[in-house]
Amino acid sequence: MKALLIVDMQNDFVPGGSLPVVEGDRILPLIDEMVHYPFDLILATKDWHPSDHVSFASNHSGKKPGDEIAIGGLNQTLWPVHCEQGSWGAEFVSGWDTTCVDKVFYKGTNPFIDSYSAFFDNGHYQATGLEFYLRDKGVNTLFFAGLATDYCVKFSVLDALQLGFQSYVIVDACKGVNLQPNDSEQALEYMQKGGAILLSIKDLKEII
């Protein structure tokens, strides 16, 4: 069983949103194409933060987006308010027909800890339920696309590998934040070293 996991294709992460990934909207046509490939399941994630979330710089006096703090023994990058529960920014990217999505998994719902991965929060204290869903469905192979390469895609892939799922990253269907210029490139290298297979859309068409 093979599943396509589309990570955080939400309004706040594309141009016009509060935390836009440069050209994040450019991957939507590729995703629209891929959902018609013969995957057994199409899954998606959403960042789904409460208004008092620890990752929002505005919730920390004197701090600004991009600052780093320590919370509960974990490093936390501070961000603008984004993907607030029930907001326009938290909705899937405008214009994307999501009727193809079999199930949505929500992350970052705990106000006290961030959650980049589709599987766990950043401390691996709580699971989103994705692993159990995949095992129940008999999925052993995951294909990843979405936002952002250097954060939520990366940590989702690394967790998938640790859990024993064969993992493919569709590189041209991902875009990165790149707080530092080479962050996305380094993230791809890290995922590959961890066991992920990097593909282009062209490669995917030949193996799916």
N, C-alpha and C. Protein backbone atom coordinates (compact mmCIF):
# COMPACT_ATOMS: atom_id res chain seq x y z
N MET A 1 0.84 -1.20 0.00
CA MET A 1 0.00 0.00 0.00
C MET A 1 0.88 1.25 0.00
N LYS A 2 0.52 2.18 -0.87
CA LYS A 2 1.29 3.41 -1.04
C LYS A 2 0.38 4.62 -0.79
N ALA A 3 0.90 5.56 -0.03
CA ALA A 3 0.14 6.78 0.27
C ALA A 3 0.93 8.01 -0.10
N LEU A 4 0.24 9.01 -0.62
CA LEU A 4 0.80 10.34 -0.84
C LEU A 4 0.43 11.20 0.35
N LEU A 5 1.44 11.79 1.01
CA LEU A 5 1.20 12.66 2.17
C LEU A 5 1.54 14.09 1.78
N ILE A 6 0.54 14.93 1.75
CA ILE A 6 0.69 16.33 1.35
C ILE A 6 0.75 17.18 2.62
N VAL A 7 1.90 17.80 2.83
CA VAL A 7 2.19 18.46 4.10
C VAL A 7 1.85 19.96 4.05
N ASP A 8 0.92 20.38 4.88
CA ASP A 8 0.67 21.80 5.22
C ASP A 8 0.48 22.72 4.01
N MET A 9 -0.31 22.29 3.04
CA MET A 9 -0.65 23.18 1.93
C MET A 9 -1.77 24.11 2.37
N GLN A 10 -1.37 25.14 3.14
CA GLN A 10 -2.32 26.04 3.78
C GLN A 10 -2.06 27.48 3.36
N ASN A 11 -3.11 28.29 3.45
CA ASN A 11 -3.04 29.67 2.96
C ASN A 11 -1.91 30.47 3.59
N ASP A 12 -1.65 30.27 4.89
CA ASP A 12 -0.62 31.08 5.55
C ASP A 12 0.78 30.76 5.06
N PHE A 13 0.97 29.62 4.40
CA PHE A 13 2.30 29.21 3.95
C PHE A 13 2.58 29.51 2.47
N VAL A 14 1.67 30.21 1.84
CA VAL A 14 1.88 30.62 0.44
C VAL A 14 1.80 32.14 0.37
N PRO A 15 2.29 32.74 -0.73
CA PRO A 15 2.22 34.20 -0.85
C PRO A 15 0.81 34.72 -0.56
N GLY A 16 0.76 35.76 0.27
CA GLY A 16 -0.51 36.30 0.74
C GLY A 16 -0.83 35.87 2.16
N GLY A 17 -0.12 34.86 2.66
CA GLY A 17 -0.32 34.39 4.03
C GLY A 17 0.65 35.06 4.99
N SER A 18 0.52 34.72 6.25
CA SER A 18 1.33 35.38 7.29
C SER A 18 2.74 34.82 7.40
N LEU A 19 2.96 33.61 6.89
CA LEU A 19 4.29 32.99 6.94
C LEU A 19 4.58 32.33 5.58
N PRO A 20 4.66 33.17 4.53
CA PRO A 20 4.72 32.61 3.18
C PRO A 20 6.06 31.98 2.83
N VAL A 21 6.00 30.81 2.23
CA VAL A 21 7.16 30.17 1.63
C VAL A 21 7.29 30.74 0.21
N VAL A 22 8.47 31.21 -0.13
CA VAL A 22 8.67 31.80 -1.45
C VAL A 22 8.28 30.78 -2.52
N GLU A 23 7.37 31.19 -3.40
CA GLU A 23 6.88 30.34 -4.49
C GLU A 23 6.20 29.07 -3.98
N GLY A 24 5.72 29.12 -2.75
CA GLY A 24 5.03 27.96 -2.20
C GLY A 24 3.80 27.56 -3.00
N ASP A 25 3.18 28.54 -3.65
CA ASP A 25 2.00 28.25 -4.45
C ASP A 25 2.35 27.56 -5.76
N ARG A 26 3.63 27.61 -6.16
CA ARG A 26 4.02 27.05 -7.45
C ARG A 26 3.92 25.53 -7.49
N ILE A 27 3.90 24.88 -6.32
CA ILE A 27 3.84 23.42 -6.31
C ILE A 27 2.41 22.90 -6.39
N LEU A 28 1.42 23.79 -6.29
CA LEU A 28 0.03 23.32 -6.28
C LEU A 28 -0.35 22.58 -7.57
N PRO A 29 0.05 23.07 -8.76
CA PRO A 29 -0.28 22.31 -9.98
C PRO A 29 0.32 20.90 -9.97
N LEU A 30 1.51 20.75 -9.40
CA LEU A 30 2.13 19.43 -9.33
C LEU A 30 1.34 18.52 -8.39
N ILE A 31 0.89 19.08 -7.28
CA ILE A 31 0.09 18.29 -6.34
C ILE A 31 -1.25 17.92 -6.97
N ASP A 32 -1.85 18.86 -7.66
CA ASP A 32 -3.11 18.57 -8.36
C ASP A 32 -2.94 17.44 -9.38
N GLU A 33 -1.76 17.38 -9.98
CA GLU A 33 -1.46 16.30 -10.92
C GLU A 33 -1.26 14.97 -10.18
N MET A 34 -0.49 15.00 -9.11
CA MET A 34 -0.13 13.76 -8.41
C MET A 34 -1.31 13.06 -7.76
N VAL A 35 -2.31 13.82 -7.34
CA VAL A 35 -3.43 13.18 -6.65
C VAL A 35 -4.21 12.26 -7.58
N HIS A 36 -3.95 12.36 -8.87
CA HIS A 36 -4.61 11.47 -9.83
C HIS A 36 -3.75 10.28 -10.19
N TYR A 37 -2.57 10.18 -9.59
CA TYR A 37 -1.73 9.00 -9.79
C TYR A 37 -2.30 7.85 -8.95
N PRO A 38 -1.92 6.62 -9.25
CA PRO A 38 -2.54 5.47 -8.57
C PRO A 38 -2.01 5.20 -7.16
N PHE A 39 -2.13 6.18 -6.27
CA PHE A 39 -1.84 5.96 -4.86
C PHE A 39 -3.04 5.26 -4.21
N ASP A 40 -2.78 4.47 -3.18
CA ASP A 40 -3.87 3.81 -2.48
C ASP A 40 -4.60 4.79 -1.57
N LEU A 41 -3.87 5.78 -1.03
CA LEU A 41 -4.46 6.79 -0.16
C LEU A 41 -3.85 8.14 -0.44
N ILE A 42 -4.66 9.19 -0.30
CA ILE A 42 -4.17 10.57 -0.35
C ILE A 42 -4.44 11.17 1.02
N LEU A 43 -3.37 11.58 1.70
CA LEU A 43 -3.49 12.12 3.05
C LEU A 43 -2.92 13.54 3.08
N ALA A 44 -3.33 14.32 4.06
CA ALA A 44 -2.84 15.69 4.18
C ALA A 44 -2.70 16.05 5.65
N THR A 45 -1.83 17.02 5.92
CA THR A 45 -1.70 17.55 7.28
C THR A 45 -2.06 19.03 7.29
N LYS A 46 -2.43 19.47 8.48
CA LYS A 46 -2.66 20.90 8.73
C LYS A 46 -1.97 21.29 10.03
N ASP A 47 -1.21 22.40 9.98
CA ASP A 47 -0.87 23.10 11.20
C ASP A 47 -2.18 23.65 11.75
N TRP A 48 -2.41 23.50 13.05
CA TRP A 48 -3.72 23.87 13.60
C TRP A 48 -3.50 24.40 15.02
N HIS A 49 -3.02 25.65 15.08
CA HIS A 49 -2.53 26.20 16.35
C HIS A 49 -3.61 26.97 17.11
N PRO A 50 -3.65 26.82 18.44
CA PRO A 50 -4.46 27.73 19.25
C PRO A 50 -3.80 29.11 19.30
N SER A 51 -4.56 30.12 19.68
CA SER A 51 -4.07 31.50 19.63
C SER A 51 -2.92 31.75 20.60
N ASP A 52 -2.83 30.92 21.64
CA ASP A 52 -1.76 31.11 22.64
C ASP A 52 -0.58 30.18 22.39
N HIS A 53 -0.38 29.77 21.15
CA HIS A 53 0.65 28.78 20.86
C HIS A 53 2.05 29.30 21.15
N VAL A 54 2.88 28.40 21.67
CA VAL A 54 4.24 28.75 22.09
C VAL A 54 5.11 29.23 20.94
N SER A 55 4.80 28.86 19.71
CA SER A 55 5.64 29.21 18.57
C SER A 55 5.41 30.63 18.07
N PHE A 56 4.37 31.31 18.57
CA PHE A 56 4.07 32.66 18.09
C PHE A 56 4.92 33.69 18.83
N ALA A 57 5.71 34.43 18.08
CA ALA A 57 6.58 35.43 18.71
C ALA A 57 5.78 36.44 19.53
N SER A 58 4.58 36.74 19.09
CA SER A 58 3.74 37.73 19.78
C SER A 58 3.32 37.28 21.17
N ASN A 59 3.48 35.98 21.46
CA ASN A 59 3.15 35.48 22.79
C ASN A 59 4.33 35.53 23.76
N HIS A 60 5.45 36.15 23.31
CA HIS A 60 6.65 36.25 24.14
C HIS A 60 7.11 37.71 24.15
N SER A 61 7.04 38.34 25.28
CA SER A 61 7.38 39.75 25.40
C SER A 61 8.81 40.02 24.92
N GLY A 62 8.94 41.00 24.03
CA GLY A 62 10.25 41.43 23.56
C GLY A 62 10.85 40.55 22.49
N LYS A 63 10.12 39.53 22.04
CA LYS A 63 10.64 38.62 21.03
C LYS A 63 10.03 38.92 19.67
N LYS A 64 10.75 38.50 18.63
CA LYS A 64 10.28 38.72 17.27
C LYS A 64 10.45 37.44 16.45
N PRO A 65 9.73 37.33 15.34
CA PRO A 65 9.89 36.14 14.49
C PRO A 65 11.36 35.92 14.10
N GLY A 66 11.77 34.69 14.17
CA GLY A 66 13.16 34.34 13.87
C GLY A 66 14.01 34.15 15.11
N ASP A 67 13.57 34.69 16.25
CA ASP A 67 14.30 34.49 17.50
C ASP A 67 14.19 33.02 17.92
N GLU A 68 15.17 32.61 18.70
CA GLU A 68 15.19 31.25 19.26
C GLU A 68 15.07 31.34 20.77
N ILE A 69 14.22 30.48 21.33
CA ILE A 69 14.11 30.39 22.78
C ILE A 69 14.14 28.91 23.18
N ALA A 70 14.29 28.64 24.46
CA ALA A 70 14.22 27.28 24.97
C ALA A 70 12.93 27.13 25.76
N ILE A 71 12.16 26.11 25.42
CA ILE A 71 10.90 25.82 26.10
C ILE A 71 10.89 24.34 26.47
N GLY A 72 10.82 24.05 27.76
CA GLY A 72 10.76 22.66 28.19
C GLY A 72 11.94 21.83 27.74
N GLY A 73 13.12 22.48 27.64
CA GLY A 73 14.31 21.76 27.22
C GLY A 73 14.46 21.60 25.72
N LEU A 74 13.56 22.18 24.94
CA LEU A 74 13.61 22.10 23.48
C LEU A 74 13.85 23.48 22.90
N ASN A 75 14.65 23.56 21.84
CA ASN A 75 14.81 24.81 21.13
C ASN A 75 13.54 25.11 20.33
N GLN A 76 13.12 26.36 20.37
CA GLN A 76 11.92 26.76 19.67
C GLN A 76 12.20 28.00 18.83
N THR A 77 12.04 27.88 17.51
CA THR A 77 12.07 29.04 16.64
C THR A 77 10.73 29.74 16.74
N LEU A 78 10.78 31.06 16.86
CA LEU A 78 9.54 31.84 16.96
C LEU A 78 9.10 32.31 15.58
N TRP A 79 7.79 32.25 15.35
CA TRP A 79 7.20 32.57 14.05
C TRP A 79 6.11 33.62 14.19
N PRO A 80 5.74 34.26 13.09
CA PRO A 80 4.53 35.08 13.13
C PRO A 80 3.31 34.19 13.44
N VAL A 81 2.25 34.81 13.89
CA VAL A 81 1.00 34.06 14.08
C VAL A 81 0.62 33.43 12.75
N HIS A 82 0.36 32.12 12.77
CA HIS A 82 0.05 31.43 11.52
C HIS A 82 -0.82 30.22 11.81
N CYS A 83 -1.63 29.87 10.84
CA CYS A 83 -2.47 28.66 10.89
C CYS A 83 -3.23 28.55 12.21
N GLU A 84 -3.80 29.68 12.62
CA GLU A 84 -4.59 29.71 13.85
C GLU A 84 -5.91 28.97 13.60
N GLN A 85 -6.27 28.15 14.54
CA GLN A 85 -7.45 27.29 14.38
C GLN A 85 -8.67 28.09 13.93
N GLY A 86 -9.30 27.64 12.85
CA GLY A 86 -10.51 28.26 12.35
C GLY A 86 -10.31 29.48 11.48
N SER A 87 -9.05 29.89 11.28
CA SER A 87 -8.79 31.09 10.49
C SER A 87 -8.66 30.76 9.01
N TRP A 88 -8.74 31.82 8.19
CA TRP A 88 -8.53 31.66 6.75
C TRP A 88 -7.14 31.09 6.47
N GLY A 89 -6.15 31.57 7.22
CA GLY A 89 -4.79 31.13 6.99
C GLY A 89 -4.58 29.66 7.25
N ALA A 90 -5.40 29.06 8.09
CA ALA A 90 -5.27 27.64 8.41
C ALA A 90 -5.94 26.75 7.38
N GLU A 91 -6.75 27.33 6.52
CA GLU A 91 -7.45 26.52 5.52
C GLU A 91 -6.50 26.09 4.41
N PHE A 92 -6.85 25.02 3.74
CA PHE A 92 -6.04 24.58 2.61
C PHE A 92 -5.98 25.68 1.55
N VAL A 93 -4.90 25.69 0.79
CA VAL A 93 -4.65 26.73 -0.20
C VAL A 93 -5.87 26.94 -1.08
N SER A 94 -6.25 28.19 -1.21
CA SER A 94 -7.42 28.53 -2.02
C SER A 94 -7.25 28.01 -3.44
N GLY A 95 -8.29 27.38 -3.92
CA GLY A 95 -8.25 26.85 -5.28
C GLY A 95 -7.87 25.39 -5.38
N TRP A 96 -7.45 24.81 -4.25
CA TRP A 96 -7.09 23.40 -4.27
C TRP A 96 -8.34 22.56 -4.00
N ASP A 97 -8.66 21.68 -4.92
CA ASP A 97 -9.79 20.77 -4.75
C ASP A 97 -9.35 19.62 -3.85
N THR A 98 -9.78 19.63 -2.61
CA THR A 98 -9.33 18.65 -1.62
C THR A 98 -10.28 17.46 -1.50
N THR A 99 -11.22 17.33 -2.42
CA THR A 99 -12.14 16.20 -2.35
C THR A 99 -11.42 14.87 -2.52
N CYS A 100 -10.19 14.93 -3.06
CA CYS A 100 -9.39 13.71 -3.25
C CYS A 100 -8.73 13.24 -1.96
N VAL A 101 -8.71 14.08 -0.93
CA VAL A 101 -7.99 13.76 0.31
C VAL A 101 -8.83 12.80 1.16
N ASP A 102 -8.24 11.66 1.49
CA ASP A 102 -8.96 10.65 2.27
C ASP A 102 -9.04 11.00 3.75
N LYS A 103 -7.99 11.61 4.27
CA LYS A 103 -8.01 11.98 5.70
C LYS A 103 -7.00 13.09 5.96
N VAL A 104 -7.36 13.97 6.89
CA VAL A 104 -6.51 15.09 7.30
C VAL A 104 -6.05 14.85 8.73
N PHE A 105 -4.75 15.09 8.97
CA PHE A 105 -4.18 14.97 10.31
C PHE A 105 -3.74 16.36 10.78
N TYR A 106 -4.12 16.69 12.02
CA TYR A 106 -3.86 18.01 12.59
C TYR A 106 -2.68 17.95 13.55
N LYS A 107 -1.83 18.97 13.46
CA LYS A 107 -0.64 19.00 14.32
C LYS A 107 -0.45 20.40 14.89
N GLY A 108 0.34 20.48 15.97
CA GLY A 108 0.54 21.78 16.61
C GLY A 108 -0.65 22.25 17.41
N THR A 109 -1.48 21.33 17.86
CA THR A 109 -2.69 21.70 18.59
C THR A 109 -2.45 21.98 20.07
N ASN A 110 -1.33 21.46 20.59
CA ASN A 110 -0.98 21.69 21.99
C ASN A 110 -0.30 23.06 22.10
N PRO A 111 -0.84 23.97 22.92
CA PRO A 111 -0.26 25.32 22.99
C PRO A 111 1.16 25.37 23.54
N PHE A 112 1.60 24.32 24.20
CA PHE A 112 2.87 24.35 24.92
C PHE A 112 4.04 23.73 24.17
N ILE A 113 3.78 23.16 22.98
CA ILE A 113 4.87 22.55 22.23
C ILE A 113 4.56 22.58 20.75
N ASP A 114 5.58 22.80 19.94
CA ASP A 114 5.38 22.86 18.49
C ASP A 114 5.37 21.45 17.92
N SER A 115 4.95 21.34 16.68
CA SER A 115 4.85 20.04 16.04
C SER A 115 5.11 20.20 14.55
N TYR A 116 6.37 20.02 14.15
CA TYR A 116 6.71 20.08 12.73
C TYR A 116 6.32 18.78 12.01
N SER A 117 6.52 17.66 12.68
CA SER A 117 6.29 16.36 12.06
C SER A 117 4.80 16.05 11.95
N ALA A 118 4.46 15.30 10.91
CA ALA A 118 3.09 14.82 10.76
C ALA A 118 2.77 13.71 11.75
N PHE A 119 3.79 13.16 12.41
CA PHE A 119 3.60 12.01 13.30
C PHE A 119 3.57 12.36 14.78
N PHE A 120 4.44 13.28 15.20
CA PHE A 120 4.60 13.57 16.63
C PHE A 120 4.82 15.07 16.83
N ASP A 121 4.66 15.50 18.11
CA ASP A 121 5.12 16.84 18.46
C ASP A 121 6.65 16.83 18.51
N ASN A 122 7.25 18.00 18.67
CA ASN A 122 8.71 18.12 18.58
C ASN A 122 9.46 17.40 19.69
N GLY A 123 8.77 17.07 20.77
CA GLY A 123 9.41 16.30 21.83
C GLY A 123 9.08 14.82 21.78
N HIS A 124 8.30 14.43 20.79
CA HIS A 124 7.82 13.05 20.66
C HIS A 124 7.05 12.60 21.91
N TYR A 125 6.31 13.54 22.50
CA TYR A 125 5.51 13.20 23.67
C TYR A 125 4.13 12.68 23.26
N GLN A 126 3.56 13.29 22.22
CA GLN A 126 2.23 12.90 21.78
C GLN A 126 2.24 12.62 20.28
N ALA A 127 1.45 11.65 19.87
CA ALA A 127 1.33 11.29 18.46
C ALA A 127 0.06 11.90 17.87
N THR A 128 0.11 12.12 16.56
CA THR A 128 -1.06 12.67 15.86
C THR A 128 -2.07 11.59 15.47
N GLY A 129 -1.65 10.34 15.53
CA GLY A 129 -2.51 9.24 15.08
C GLY A 129 -2.19 8.76 13.69
N LEU A 130 -1.29 9.46 12.99
CA LEU A 130 -0.97 9.09 11.61
C LEU A 130 -0.35 7.69 11.53
N GLU A 131 0.61 7.41 12.40
CA GLU A 131 1.26 6.10 12.34
C GLU A 131 0.25 4.97 12.46
N PHE A 132 -0.65 5.07 13.42
CA PHE A 132 -1.61 4.01 13.67
C PHE A 132 -2.59 3.86 12.50
N TYR A 133 -2.95 4.99 11.93
CA TYR A 133 -3.83 4.96 10.76
C TYR A 133 -3.15 4.24 9.60
N LEU A 134 -1.89 4.56 9.34
CA LEU A 134 -1.16 3.94 8.23
C LEU A 134 -1.02 2.44 8.44
N ARG A 135 -0.69 2.04 9.67
CA ARG A 135 -0.51 0.62 9.93
C ARG A 135 -1.84 -0.13 9.82
N ASP A 136 -2.91 0.51 10.26
CA ASP A 136 -4.23 -0.10 10.15
C ASP A 136 -4.64 -0.31 8.70
N LYS A 137 -4.22 0.62 7.84
CA LYS A 137 -4.56 0.55 6.42
C LYS A 137 -3.58 -0.33 5.63
N GLY A 138 -2.50 -0.75 6.27
CA GLY A 138 -1.51 -1.59 5.59
C GLY A 138 -0.55 -0.82 4.71
N VAL A 139 -0.39 0.48 4.98
CA VAL A 139 0.52 1.31 4.20
C VAL A 139 1.95 1.07 4.67
N ASN A 140 2.85 0.81 3.73
CA ASN A 140 4.27 0.66 4.08
C ASN A 140 5.18 1.61 3.32
N THR A 141 4.61 2.35 2.36
CA THR A 141 5.41 3.27 1.54
C THR A 141 4.73 4.62 1.49
N LEU A 142 5.50 5.67 1.76
CA LEU A 142 4.98 7.04 1.77
C LEU A 142 5.73 7.90 0.76
N PHE A 143 4.97 8.75 0.08
CA PHE A 143 5.52 9.74 -0.83
C PHE A 143 5.15 11.12 -0.27
N PHE A 144 6.15 11.99 -0.11
CA PHE A 144 5.95 13.27 0.55
C PHE A 144 6.02 14.44 -0.44
N ALA A 145 5.11 15.39 -0.25
CA ALA A 145 5.13 16.65 -0.99
C ALA A 145 4.58 17.73 -0.07
N GLY A 146 4.88 19.00 -0.36
CA GLY A 146 4.27 20.07 0.41
C GLY A 146 5.26 21.06 0.99
N LEU A 147 4.86 21.66 2.12
CA LEU A 147 5.58 22.77 2.73
C LEU A 147 5.85 22.48 4.21
N ALA A 148 6.99 22.82 4.71
CA ALA A 148 8.12 23.33 3.95
C ALA A 148 9.23 22.29 4.00
N THR A 149 10.03 22.25 2.96
CA THR A 149 11.08 21.25 2.81
C THR A 149 11.95 21.14 4.05
N ASP A 150 12.35 22.28 4.59
CA ASP A 150 13.35 22.33 5.67
C ASP A 150 12.75 22.27 7.07
N TYR A 151 11.44 22.15 7.18
CA TYR A 151 10.81 22.03 8.49
C TYR A 151 9.83 20.85 8.52
N CYS A 152 8.60 21.09 8.14
CA CYS A 152 7.58 20.06 8.36
C CYS A 152 7.74 18.85 7.44
N VAL A 153 8.20 19.06 6.22
CA VAL A 153 8.49 17.91 5.36
C VAL A 153 9.66 17.12 5.94
N LYS A 154 10.73 17.82 6.26
CA LYS A 154 11.92 17.14 6.78
C LYS A 154 11.62 16.29 8.01
N PHE A 155 10.98 16.89 9.00
CA PHE A 155 10.75 16.16 10.24
C PHE A 155 9.73 15.04 10.07
N SER A 156 8.78 15.22 9.17
CA SER A 156 7.83 14.15 8.87
C SER A 156 8.54 12.96 8.23
N VAL A 157 9.42 13.25 7.29
CA VAL A 157 10.16 12.18 6.61
C VAL A 157 11.07 11.46 7.60
N LEU A 158 11.78 12.20 8.43
CA LEU A 158 12.69 11.57 9.38
C LEU A 158 11.95 10.67 10.36
N ASP A 159 10.78 11.10 10.80
CA ASP A 159 9.99 10.24 11.68
C ASP A 159 9.48 9.01 10.94
N ALA A 160 9.05 9.20 9.70
CA ALA A 160 8.56 8.07 8.91
C ALA A 160 9.66 7.01 8.76
N LEU A 161 10.87 7.46 8.50
CA LEU A 161 11.99 6.53 8.37
C LEU A 161 12.26 5.80 9.68
N GLN A 162 12.23 6.53 10.78
CA GLN A 162 12.46 5.90 12.09
C GLN A 162 11.38 4.87 12.41
N LEU A 163 10.18 5.10 11.89
CA LEU A 163 9.08 4.17 12.15
C LEU A 163 9.05 3.00 11.17
N GLY A 164 9.97 3.02 10.20
CA GLY A 164 10.10 1.89 9.29
C GLY A 164 9.34 2.00 7.99
N PHE A 165 8.83 3.18 7.67
CA PHE A 165 8.13 3.36 6.40
C PHE A 165 9.14 3.69 5.30
N GLN A 166 9.01 3.04 4.16
CA GLN A 166 9.81 3.43 3.02
C GLN A 166 9.34 4.82 2.58
N SER A 167 10.28 5.73 2.41
CA SER A 167 9.91 7.14 2.24
C SER A 167 10.56 7.75 1.01
N TYR A 168 9.74 8.37 0.20
CA TYR A 168 10.17 9.08 -1.00
C TYR A 168 9.81 10.56 -0.85
N VAL A 169 10.72 11.43 -1.24
CA VAL A 169 10.47 12.87 -1.24
C VAL A 169 10.42 13.35 -2.68
N ILE A 170 9.31 13.93 -3.06
CA ILE A 170 9.15 14.44 -4.43
C ILE A 170 9.66 15.88 -4.42
N VAL A 171 10.91 16.05 -4.78
CA VAL A 171 11.65 17.28 -4.51
C VAL A 171 11.02 18.49 -5.17
N ASP A 172 10.59 18.37 -6.42
CA ASP A 172 10.04 19.54 -7.09
C ASP A 172 8.61 19.84 -6.67
N ALA A 173 8.03 19.00 -5.82
CA ALA A 173 6.71 19.27 -5.26
C ALA A 173 6.81 19.70 -3.79
N CYS A 174 7.99 20.18 -3.41
CA CYS A 174 8.23 20.74 -2.08
C CYS A 174 8.91 22.10 -2.24
N LYS A 175 8.68 22.99 -1.29
CA LYS A 175 9.38 24.27 -1.23
C LYS A 175 9.77 24.54 0.21
N GLY A 176 10.89 25.27 0.41
CA GLY A 176 11.40 25.49 1.74
C GLY A 176 11.31 26.93 2.22
N VAL A 177 11.39 27.10 3.54
CA VAL A 177 11.41 28.44 4.16
C VAL A 177 12.75 29.11 3.90
N ASN A 178 13.84 28.38 4.12
CA ASN A 178 15.20 28.88 3.91
C ASN A 178 15.51 30.13 4.73
N LEU A 179 15.39 29.99 6.06
CA LEU A 179 15.86 31.07 6.93
C LEU A 179 17.34 31.33 6.68
N GLN A 180 18.07 30.27 6.37
CA GLN A 180 19.43 30.38 5.86
C GLN A 180 19.41 29.87 4.42
N PRO A 181 20.23 30.44 3.54
CA PRO A 181 20.09 30.18 2.10
C PRO A 181 20.10 28.70 1.69
N ASN A 182 20.85 27.87 2.37
CA ASN A 182 20.98 26.47 1.96
C ASN A 182 20.16 25.50 2.80
N ASP A 183 19.21 26.01 3.57
CA ASP A 183 18.47 25.14 4.49
C ASP A 183 17.75 23.99 3.77
N SER A 184 17.10 24.29 2.65
CA SER A 184 16.35 23.24 1.95
C SER A 184 17.29 22.18 1.36
N GLU A 185 18.38 22.64 0.79
CA GLU A 185 19.37 21.71 0.23
C GLU A 185 19.93 20.81 1.31
N GLN A 186 20.25 21.39 2.46
CA GLN A 186 20.78 20.60 3.56
C GLN A 186 19.74 19.64 4.11
N ALA A 187 18.49 20.08 4.13
CA ALA A 187 17.41 19.21 4.60
C ALA A 187 17.25 17.99 3.70
N LEU A 188 17.32 18.20 2.40
CA LEU A 188 17.21 17.09 1.44
C LEU A 188 18.37 16.12 1.62
N GLU A 189 19.56 16.65 1.81
CA GLU A 189 20.73 15.79 2.04
C GLU A 189 20.56 14.98 3.32
N TYR A 190 20.04 15.61 4.35
CA TYR A 190 19.84 14.94 5.63
C TYR A 190 18.81 13.83 5.51
N MET A 191 17.72 14.10 4.80
CA MET A 191 16.70 13.09 4.59
C MET A 191 17.25 11.91 3.79
N GLN A 192 18.04 12.24 2.78
CA GLN A 192 18.62 11.18 1.94
C GLN A 192 19.58 10.32 2.75
N LYS A 193 20.40 10.94 3.58
CA LYS A 193 21.32 10.17 4.43
C LYS A 193 20.56 9.29 5.41
N GLY A 194 19.37 9.74 5.79
CA GLY A 194 18.55 8.96 6.71
C GLY A 194 17.85 7.78 6.06
N GLY A 195 17.89 7.73 4.73
CA GLY A 195 17.28 6.62 4.02
C GLY A 195 16.18 6.97 3.06
N ALA A 196 15.83 8.26 2.98
CA ALA A 196 14.78 8.67 2.04
C ALA A 196 15.30 8.64 0.60
N ILE A 197 14.41 8.38 -0.31
CA ILE A 197 14.73 8.40 -1.74
C ILE A 197 14.18 9.70 -2.33
N LEU A 198 15.04 10.47 -2.98
CA LEU A 198 14.64 11.74 -3.57
C LEU A 198 14.23 11.52 -5.02
N LEU A 199 13.07 12.05 -5.37
CA LEU A 199 12.51 11.87 -6.71
C LEU A 199 12.09 13.20 -7.30
N SER A 200 12.02 13.25 -8.60
CA SER A 200 11.33 14.32 -9.31
C SER A 200 9.96 13.80 -9.73
N ILE A 201 9.11 14.68 -10.19
CA ILE A 201 7.82 14.26 -10.74
C ILE A 201 8.02 13.29 -11.89
N LYS A 202 8.99 13.57 -12.72
CA LYS A 202 9.28 12.68 -13.85
C LYS A 202 9.64 11.28 -13.36
N ASP A 203 10.50 11.21 -12.33
CA ASP A 203 10.85 9.91 -11.75
C ASP A 203 9.62 9.19 -11.21
N LEU A 204 8.78 9.95 -10.54
CA LEU A 204 7.58 9.37 -9.92
C LEU A 204 6.69 8.72 -10.96
N LYS A 205 6.52 9.37 -12.08
CA LYS A 205 5.66 8.84 -13.13
C LYS A 205 6.15 7.47 -13.60
N GLU A 206 7.45 7.25 -13.51
CA GLU A 206 8.03 6.00 -14.01
C GLU A 206 7.92 4.85 -13.01
N ILE A 207 7.70 5.15 -11.73
CA ILE A 207 7.69 4.07 -10.75
C ILE A 207 6.33 3.83 -10.11
N ILE A 208 5.44 4.79 -10.20
CA ILE A 208 4.18 4.66 -9.49
C ILE A 208 3.23 3.72 -10.22
